[in-house]
C-alpha atoms as a PDB file:
ATOM      1  CA  MET A   1     -56.541-110.562 163.266  1.00  0.00           C
ATOM      2  CA  SER A   2     -55.455-108.237 160.534  1.00  0.00           C
ATOM      3  CA  ASP A   3     -54.461-111.213 158.364  1.00  0.00           C
ATOM      4  CA  VAL A   4     -58.122-112.126 157.734  1.00  0.00           C
ATOM      5  CA  SER A   5     -59.163-111.457 154.155  1.00  0.00           C
ATOM      6  CA  ARG A   6     -62.265-112.233 152.155  1.00  0.00           C
ATOM      7  CA  ARG A   7     -62.268-115.703 150.554  1.00  0.00           C
ATOM      8  CA  ARG A   8     -64.406-117.392 147.917  1.00  0.00           C
ATOM      9  CA  PRO A   9     -66.397-120.283 149.460  1.00  0.00           C
ATOM     10  CA  TRP A  10     -66.995-121.911 146.069  1.00  0.00           C
ATOM     11  CA  LEU A  11     -63.244-122.025 145.431  1.00  0.00           C
ATOM     12  CA  ALA A  12     -62.591-123.588 148.840  1.00  0.00           C
ATOM     13  CA  VAL A  13     -65.192-126.258 148.030  1.00  0.00           C
ATOM     14  CA  LEU A  14     -63.741-126.909 144.571  1.00  0.00           C
ATOM     15  CA  LEU A  15     -60.223-127.268 145.965  1.00  0.00           C
ATOM     16  CA  ALA A  16     -61.484-129.567 148.742  1.00  0.00           C
ATOM     17  CA  ILE A  17     -63.082-131.771 146.077  1.00  0.00           C
ATOM     18  CA  VAL A  18     -59.873-131.938 144.014  1.00  0.00           C
ATOM     19  CA  ILE A  19     -57.445-132.766 146.864  1.00  0.00           C
ATOM     20  CA  SER A  20     -58.383-133.383 150.456  1.00  0.00           C
ATOM     21  CA  GLY A  21     -57.254-130.522 152.675  1.00  0.00           C
ATOM     22  CA  LEU A  22     -56.489-128.153 149.796  1.00  0.00           C
ATOM     23  CA  GLY A  23     -59.630-126.088 150.398  1.00  0.00           C
ATOM     24  CA  HIS A  24     -58.559-125.510 153.983  1.00  0.00           C
ATOM     25  CA  ALA A  25     -55.052-124.610 152.825  1.00  0.00           C
ATOM     26  CA  TYR A  26     -56.604-121.968 150.545  1.00  0.00           C
ATOM     27  CA  LEU A  27     -58.340-120.585 153.634  1.00  0.00           C
ATOM     28  CA  ARG A  28     -54.974-120.565 155.430  1.00  0.00           C
ATOM     29  CA  ARG A  29     -56.187-123.029 158.026  1.00  0.00           C
ATOM     30  CA  TRP A  30     -53.067-125.139 157.968  1.00  0.00           C
ATOM     31  CA  GLY A  31     -53.915-127.306 160.969  1.00  0.00           C
ATOM     32  CA  ARG A  32     -57.330-128.171 159.583  1.00  0.00           C
ATOM     33  CA  ALA A  33     -55.857-128.856 156.148  1.00  0.00           C
ATOM     34  CA  LEU A  34     -53.405-131.337 157.625  1.00  0.00           C
ATOM     35  CA  ALA A  35     -56.062-132.880 159.893  1.00  0.00           C
ATOM     36  CA  TRP A  36     -58.505-133.456 157.018  1.00  0.00           C
ATOM     37  CA  TYR A  37     -55.752-134.857 154.807  1.00  0.00           C
ATOM     38  CA  VAL A  38     -54.715-137.267 157.559  1.00  0.00           C
ATOM     39  CA  ALA A  39     -58.350-138.222 158.303  1.00  0.00           C
ATOM     40  CA  ILE A  40     -59.133-139.026 154.675  1.00  0.00           C
ATOM     41  CA  THR A  41     -55.850-140.850 154.139  1.00  0.00           C
ATOM     42  CA  ALA A  42     -56.352-142.875 157.336  1.00  0.00           C
ATOM     43  CA  THR A  43     -59.883-143.763 156.254  1.00  0.00           C
ATOM     44  CA  LEU A  44     -58.621-144.948 152.877  1.00  0.00           C
ATOM     45  CA  VAL A  45     -55.782-146.961 154.418  1.00  0.00           C
ATOM     46  CA  PHE A  46     -57.471-148.474 157.467  1.00  0.00           C
ATOM     47  CA  VAL A  47     -61.200-148.608 156.707  1.00  0.00           C
ATOM     48  CA  VAL A  48     -61.653-149.022 152.950  1.00  0.00           C
ATOM     49  CA  PRO A  49     -60.763-152.535 151.716  1.00  0.00           C
ATOM     50  CA  ASP A  50     -57.737-152.849 149.455  1.00  0.00           C
ATOM     51  CA  ALA A  51     -59.850-154.522 146.780  1.00  0.00           C
ATOM     52  CA  ALA A  52     -62.080-151.455 146.578  1.00  0.00           C
ATOM     53  CA  LEU A  53     -59.062-149.190 146.168  1.00  0.00           C
ATOM     54  CA  ASP A  54     -57.682-151.471 143.465  1.00  0.00           C
ATOM     55  CA  GLN A  55     -61.003-151.248 141.637  1.00  0.00           C
ATOM     56  CA  LEU A  56     -60.933-147.443 141.886  1.00  0.00           C
ATOM     57  CA  PHE A  57     -57.421-147.289 140.432  1.00  0.00           C
ATOM     58  CA  ALA A  58     -58.535-149.644 137.635  1.00  0.00           C
ATOM     59  CA  ARG A  59     -61.387-147.168 136.947  1.00  0.00           C
ATOM     60  CA  GLU A  60     -64.020-149.659 137.979  1.00  0.00           C
ATOM     61  CA  LEU A  61     -66.823-148.813 140.365  1.00  0.00           C
ATOM     62  CA  PRO A  62     -66.436-150.720 143.653  1.00  0.00           C
ATOM     63  CA  PRO A  63     -69.438-151.406 145.867  1.00  0.00           C
ATOM     64  CA  ILE A  64     -70.628-148.195 147.519  1.00  0.00           C
ATOM     65  CA  GLY A  65     -70.621-149.911 150.919  1.00  0.00           C
ATOM     66  CA  ASP A  66     -66.873-150.445 150.613  1.00  0.00           C
ATOM     67  CA  ILE A  67     -66.005-146.828 149.773  1.00  0.00           C
ATOM     68  CA  GLY A  68     -68.866-145.273 151.772  1.00  0.00           C
ATOM     69  CA  PRO A  69     -66.771-144.337 154.816  1.00  0.00           C
ATOM     70  CA  ALA A  70     -64.274-142.494 152.627  1.00  0.00           C
ATOM     71  CA  LEU A  71     -67.103-140.661 150.842  1.00  0.00           C
ATOM     72  CA  VAL A  72     -68.551-139.580 154.194  1.00  0.00           C
ATOM     73  CA  VAL A  73     -65.211-138.203 155.387  1.00  0.00           C
ATOM     74  CA  ILE A  74     -64.588-136.454 152.056  1.00  0.00           C
ATOM     75  CA  GLY A  75     -68.098-134.961 152.169  1.00  0.00           C
ATOM     76  CA  ALA A  76     -67.528-133.741 155.728  1.00  0.00           C
ATOM     77  CA  SER A  77     -64.259-132.141 154.639  1.00  0.00           C
ATOM     78  CA  ILE A  78     -65.987-130.333 151.775  1.00  0.00           C
ATOM     79  CA  VAL A  79     -68.784-129.070 154.029  1.00  0.00           C
ATOM     80  CA  ASP A  80     -66.238-127.956 156.621  1.00  0.00           C
ATOM     81  CA  ALA A  81     -64.265-126.012 154.001  1.00  0.00           C
ATOM     82  CA  TYR A  82     -67.454-124.197 152.987  1.00  0.00           C
ATOM     83  CA  VAL A  83     -68.442-123.414 156.586  1.00  0.00           C
ATOM     84  CA  VAL A  84     -64.950-122.166 157.458  1.00  0.00           C
ATOM     85  CA  ALA A  85     -64.956-119.909 154.380  1.00  0.00           C
ATOM     86  CA  ILE A  86     -68.348-118.437 155.344  1.00  0.00           C
ATOM     87  CA  ARG A  87     -67.185-117.851 158.936  1.00  0.00           C
ATOM     88  CA  ASN A  88     -63.983-116.281 157.659  1.00  0.00           C
ATOM     89  CA  ASN A  89     -65.991-113.860 155.517  1.00  0.00           C
ATOM     90  CA  ARG A  90     -68.269-112.987 158.445  1.00  0.00           C
ATOM     91  CA  THR A  91     -65.226-112.242 160.602  1.00  0.00           C
ATOM     92  CA  TYR A  92     -63.798-110.092 157.835  1.00  0.00           C
ATOM     93  CA  ASP A  93     -67.080-108.194 157.439  1.00  0.00           C
ATOM     94  CA  ARG A  94     -67.336-107.707 161.212  1.00  0.00           C
ATOM     95  CA  GLN A  95     -63.810-106.283 161.315  1.00  0.00           C
ATOM     96  CA  GLN A  96     -64.610-103.916 158.463  1.00  0.00           C
ATOM     97  CA  ARG A  97     -67.744-102.680 160.264  1.00  0.00           C
ATOM     98  CA  ALA A  98     -65.732-102.242 163.458  1.00  0.00           C
ATOM     99  CA  ARG A  99     -63.136-100.194 161.595  1.00  0.00           C
ATOM    100  CA  THR A 100     -65.770 -97.936 160.044  1.00  0.00           C
ATOM    101  CA  ALA A 101     -67.559 -97.594 163.381  1.00  0.00           C
ATOM    102  CA  GLY A 102     -64.215 -96.950 165.094  1.00  0.00           C
ATOM    103  CA  ALA A 103     -63.471 -94.178 162.630  1.00  0.00           C
ATOM    104  CA  GLY A 104     -66.525 -92.394 163.998  1.00  0.00           C
ATOM    105  CA  GLY A 105     -64.916 -92.344 167.456  1.00  0.00           C
ATOM    106  CA  ARG A 106     -67.033 -95.058 169.014  1.00  0.00           C
ATOM    107  CA  GLU A 107     -65.288 -96.883 171.865  1.00  0.00           C
ATOM    108  CA  GLY A 108     -67.571 -99.940 172.021  1.00  0.00           C
ATOM    109  CA  SER A 109     -66.743-101.192 168.525  1.00  0.00           C
ATOM    110  CA  ASP A 110     -63.611-102.940 169.803  1.00  0.00           C
ATOM    111  CA  ARG A 111     -65.744-104.986 172.195  1.00  0.00           C
ATOM    112  CA  GLU A 112     -68.028-106.116 169.366  1.00  0.00           C
ATOM    113  CA  SER A 113     -65.183-107.349 167.161  1.00  0.00           C
ATOM    114  CA  GLU A 114     -63.706-109.583 169.876  1.00  0.00           C
ATOM    115  CA  PHE A 115     -66.735-111.888 170.031  1.00  0.00           C
ATOM    116  CA  GLY A 116     -67.104-115.062 167.939  1.00  0.00           C
ATOM    117  CA  ASP A 117     -69.860-115.979 165.494  1.00  0.00           C
ATOM    118  CA  GLY A 118     -72.426-117.137 168.020  1.00  0.00           C
ATOM    119  CA  ASP A 119     -72.700-113.903 169.982  1.00  0.00           C
ATOM    120  CA  ARG A 120     -75.084-111.967 167.754  1.00  0.00           C
ATOM    121  CA  SER A 121     -78.235-112.877 165.925  1.00  0.00           C
ATOM    122  CA  SER A 122     -77.824-113.623 162.255  1.00  0.00           C
ATOM    123  CA  ASP A 123     -80.450-111.158 161.100  1.00  0.00           C
ATOM    124  CA  GLY A 124     -78.072-108.203 161.134  1.00  0.00           C
ATOM    125  CA  ASP A 125     -79.314-106.371 164.226  1.00  0.00           C
ATOM    126  CA  ALA A 126     -75.809-105.969 165.605  1.00  0.00           C
ATOM    127  CA  ALA A 127     -74.548-104.315 162.438  1.00  0.00           C
ATOM    128  CA  THR A 128     -77.503-101.958 162.212  1.00  0.00           C
ATOM    129  CA  THR A 129     -77.228-100.943 165.840  1.00  0.00           C
ATOM    130  CA  SER A 130     -73.454-100.560 165.666  1.00  0.00           C
ATOM    131  CA  ILE A 131     -73.531 -98.327 162.614  1.00  0.00           C
ATOM    132  CA  GLY A 132     -76.622 -96.466 163.795  1.00  0.00           C
ATOM    133  CA  SER A 133     -75.075 -95.691 167.173  1.00  0.00           C
ATOM    134  CA  SER A 134     -71.893 -94.323 165.646  1.00  0.00           C
ATOM    135  CA  THR A 135     -73.727 -92.015 163.250  1.00  0.00           C
ATOM    136  CA  GLY A 136     -76.283 -90.832 165.755  1.00  0.00           C
ATOM    137  CA  MET A 137     -79.167 -92.395 163.828  1.00  0.00           C
ATOM    138  CA  THR A 138     -81.126 -95.350 165.134  1.00  0.00           C
ATOM    139  CA  ALA A 139     -83.007 -97.968 163.190  1.00  0.00           C
ATOM    140  CA  GLU A 140     -86.696 -98.131 164.026  1.00  0.00           C
ATOM    141  CA  THR A 141     -88.338-101.491 164.448  1.00  0.00           C
ATOM    142  CA  PRO A 142     -92.093-101.922 164.012  1.00  0.00           C
ATOM    143  CA  ASN A 143     -92.605-102.170 167.786  1.00  0.00           C
ATOM    144  CA  GLU A 144     -90.728 -98.954 168.569  1.00  0.00           C
ATOM    145  CA  SER A 145     -92.573 -95.679 168.776  1.00  0.00           C
ATOM    146  CA  THR A 146     -91.496 -92.926 166.427  1.00  0.00           C
ATOM    147  CA  SER A 147     -91.014 -90.422 169.237  1.00  0.00           C
ATOM    148  CA  THR A 148     -87.885 -91.033 171.286  1.00  0.00           C
ATOM    149  CA  ALA A 149     -88.946 -88.443 173.841  1.00  0.00           C
ATOM    150  CA  GLU A 150     -91.548 -90.850 175.266  1.00  0.00           C
ATOM    151  CA  THR A 151     -89.023 -93.630 175.877  1.00  0.00           C
ATOM    152  CA  PRO A 152     -85.854 -92.342 177.554  1.00  0.00           C
ATOM    153  CA  THR A 153     -82.713 -94.371 177.056  1.00  0.00           C
ATOM    154  CA  VAL A 154     -79.330 -94.603 178.733  1.00  0.00           C
ATOM    155  CA  ASP A 155     -76.055 -95.365 176.994  1.00  0.00           C
ATOM    156  CA  CYS A 156     -74.273 -98.395 178.419  1.00  0.00           C
ATOM    157  CA  PRO A 157     -70.784 -97.465 179.692  1.00  0.00           C
ATOM    158  CA  HIS A 158     -69.449-100.873 178.595  1.00  0.00           C
ATOM    159  CA  CYS A 159     -70.702-101.323 175.032  1.00  0.00           C
ATOM    160  CA  GLY A 160     -71.998 -97.827 174.244  1.00  0.00           C
ATOM    161  CA  ARG A 161     -75.421 -98.985 173.061  1.00  0.00           C
ATOM    162  CA  GLU A 162     -78.727 -97.521 174.135  1.00  0.00           C
ATOM    163  CA  THR A 163     -80.489 -99.533 176.820  1.00  0.00           C
ATOM    164  CA  ASP A 164     -83.635 -99.326 178.921  1.00  0.00           C
ATOM    165  CA  PRO A 165     -83.124 -97.162 182.035  1.00  0.00           C
ATOM    166  CA  GLU A 166     -85.723 -99.143 183.991  1.00  0.00           C
ATOM    167  CA  ILE A 167     -83.521-102.232 184.272  1.00  0.00           C
ATOM    168  CA  ASP A 168     -80.209-102.322 186.106  1.00  0.00           C
ATOM    169  CA  PHE A 169     -78.185-104.122 183.405  1.00  0.00           C
ATOM    170  CA  CYS A 170     -77.504-103.647 179.711  1.00  0.00           C
ATOM    171  CA  HIS A 171     -79.618-106.044 177.656  1.00  0.00           C
ATOM    172  CA  TRP A 172     -76.955-106.013 174.912  1.00  0.00           C
ATOM    173  CA  CYS A 173     -73.816-106.944 176.842  1.00  0.00           C
ATOM    174  CA  THR A 174     -75.442-108.004 180.176  1.00  0.00           C
ATOM    175  CA  GLU A 175     -73.055-105.806 182.160  1.00  0.00           C
ATOM    176  CA  PRO A 176     -74.523-104.032 185.206  1.00  0.00           C
ATOM    177  CA  LEU A 177     -75.333-100.374 184.699  1.00  0.00           C
ATOM    178  CA  ASP A 178     -73.666 -98.045 187.167  1.00  0.00           C
ATOM    179  CA  ARG A 179     -76.410 -96.078 188.883  1.00  0.00           C
ATOM    180  CA  GLY A 180     -74.294 -94.185 191.386  1.00  0.00           C
ATOM    181  CA  ASN A 181     -76.861 -91.511 192.326  1.00  0.00           C
ATOM    182  CA  ASP A 182     -80.069 -92.745 190.642  1.00  0.00           C
ATOM    183  CA  ALA A 183     -81.158 -95.117 193.436  1.00  0.00           C
END
């Protein structure tokens, strides 16, 4: 996904307001752009009465109930353009973090960048842990003790993150930990 670049959500929204599907075209989501254009056009042709469209072209305000379905579809298109732009920027940021973490020689960063948006919490824990693991520093949370000697950790062979040695799976990637001679 090297073709992902940072986009401006406000511009995607503005373009979606001007012409249906144009905000998605700006985001280079061609299929969505065409789908939203077709959805709005179909709503205007098949659902909105011709009299209401004639009133709109005559610059008169038709009853809201007549043009309501078209307004709902247009609003959904605008919201979708904004959400797609935000997700695009998150993917771009995740790829940038993976590249910087990969420059530090960390093998698990490739695994992190292949997941979608719903795999990590939105509070930034994944980014802090990823960067902290590659630099050798760890972020302390209020519940963690300041001495790491009291709580031994094991690096997961699958994702490279520190995990609790008392459990037999990694709580980050849920892969089983290989304990060849520990048991």
